[in-house]
Amino acid sequence: MADEKNKTGIIGLGYVGLPLVLDFCEAGLEITGFDIDDSKVEALRNGESYISYIPGEHLNKYINSGLFEPTSILKGSMKLTILLLLSLHRWMTTGSPI
């Protein structure tokens, strides 16, 4: 593991998850961000922000550098060092994180 770069996964790219993604990328961490909303993932891949205080240019910087990969597919074969779940609102209101 010492030769591999640690990779973090964040589930939930809303008002908590997306700013956290950017903070982690700013610190140089590679992040895979997961969200069940395909339209959010597609917007992020296109460098478009759906959160008013996060500029799209900021997202593009990390996507283009390879530090941030937004996706709606959680693959069991992904090699993640840490996986954070930030979909608490959904979990609390529906009883399910997905």
Protein backbone atom coordinates (compact mmCIF):
# COMPACT_ATOMS: atom_id res chain seq x y z
CA MET A 1 0.00 0.00 0.00
CA ALA A 2 2.92 2.36 0.50
CA ASP A 3 3.47 2.55 -3.28
CA GLU A 4 -0.20 3.18 -4.10
CA LYS A 5 -1.91 6.53 -3.81
CA ASN A 6 -4.80 6.46 -1.37
CA LYS A 7 -8.20 7.00 -2.96
CA THR A 8 -11.30 8.17 -1.12
CA GLY A 9 -14.92 7.62 -2.10
CA ILE A 10 -17.72 9.94 -1.05
CA ILE A 11 -21.34 8.83 -1.36
CA GLY A 12 -23.69 11.78 -1.70
CA LEU A 13 -22.71 14.83 -3.74
CA GLY A 14 -25.12 17.34 -2.26
CA TYR A 15 -24.61 20.35 -0.01
CA VAL A 16 -22.29 18.41 2.33
CA GLY A 17 -20.60 15.93 0.00
CA LEU A 18 -19.63 18.19 -2.91
CA PRO A 19 -17.88 20.86 -0.81
CA LEU A 20 -16.06 18.07 1.03
CA VAL A 21 -14.94 16.63 -2.33
CA LEU A 22 -13.46 20.00 -3.23
CA ASP A 23 -11.72 20.37 0.13
CA PHE A 24 -10.17 16.92 -0.21
CA CYS A 25 -9.08 17.59 -3.82
CA GLU A 26 -7.53 20.86 -2.71
CA ALA A 27 -5.47 18.84 -0.25
CA GLY A 28 -4.31 16.62 -3.13
CA LEU A 29 -6.49 13.56 -2.44
CA GLU A 30 -7.99 11.52 -5.28
CA ILE A 31 -11.77 11.38 -4.85
CA THR A 32 -14.44 9.25 -6.46
CA GLY A 33 -17.79 10.90 -5.80
CA PHE A 34 -20.96 8.81 -5.99
CA ASP A 35 -24.53 10.01 -6.34
CA ILE A 36 -27.69 8.14 -7.35
CA ASP A 37 -28.91 11.17 -9.29
CA ASP A 38 -27.56 10.70 -12.81
CA SER A 39 -28.36 14.31 -13.72
CA LYS A 40 -26.07 15.56 -10.93
CA VAL A 41 -23.27 13.25 -12.04
CA GLU A 42 -23.66 14.34 -15.68
CA ALA A 43 -23.65 18.02 -14.67
CA LEU A 44 -20.46 17.51 -12.68
CA ARG A 45 -18.78 15.67 -15.55
CA ASN A 46 -19.62 18.67 -17.74
CA GLY A 47 -18.12 21.05 -15.20
CA GLU A 48 -21.51 22.42 -14.19
CA SER A 49 -22.33 23.08 -10.56
CA TYR A 50 -25.86 22.73 -9.17
CA ILE A 51 -24.80 24.39 -5.91
CA SER A 52 -24.84 28.18 -6.24
CA TYR A 53 -21.69 28.91 -4.23
CA ILE A 54 -19.51 26.36 -6.06
CA PRO A 55 -18.30 27.65 -9.43
CA GLY A 56 -18.06 25.21 -12.32
CA GLU A 57 -14.49 26.30 -13.02
CA HIS A 58 -13.54 25.02 -9.59
CA LEU A 59 -14.99 21.60 -10.42
CA ASN A 60 -13.28 21.49 -13.83
CA LYS A 61 -9.91 22.09 -12.23
CA TYR A 62 -10.14 18.86 -10.26
CA ILE A 63 -11.95 16.78 -12.87
CA ASN A 64 -9.41 17.71 -15.57
CA SER A 65 -6.49 16.98 -13.22
CA GLY A 66 -7.90 13.52 -12.44
CA LEU A 67 -8.36 14.24 -8.74
CA PHE A 68 -12.18 14.08 -8.91
CA GLU A 69 -14.23 11.45 -10.69
CA PRO A 70 -18.02 11.80 -10.33
CA THR A 71 -20.05 8.63 -10.96
CA SER A 72 -23.39 7.01 -10.20
CA ILE A 73 -21.93 3.50 -10.23
CA LEU A 74 -20.51 2.03 -7.04
CA LYS A 75 -18.31 -0.85 -8.16
CA GLY A 76 -17.27 -3.49 -5.67
CA SER A 77 -13.96 -3.84 -7.44
CA MET A 78 -12.93 -0.21 -6.88
CA LYS A 79 -9.89 0.12 -4.69
CA LEU A 80 -10.82 2.77 -2.18
CA THR A 81 -8.94 3.45 1.01
CA ILE A 82 -11.85 5.31 2.64
CA LEU A 83 -15.57 5.43 1.79
CA LEU A 84 -17.70 8.17 3.37
CA LEU A 85 -21.51 8.17 3.30
CA LEU A 86 -22.97 11.67 3.25
CA SER A 87 -26.59 10.96 2.36
CA LEU A 88 -27.94 11.28 5.84
CA HIS A 89 -31.07 13.22 4.89
CA ARG A 90 -32.24 10.46 2.56
CA TRP A 91 -31.37 7.80 5.11
CA MET A 92 -33.21 9.62 7.90
CA THR A 93 -36.35 10.29 5.82
CA THR A 94 -36.62 6.98 3.94
CA GLY A 95 -34.75 4.53 6.14
CA SER A 96 -32.45 3.67 3.23
CA PRO A 97 -29.21 5.28 1.99
CA ILE A 98 -30.14 4.52 -1.63
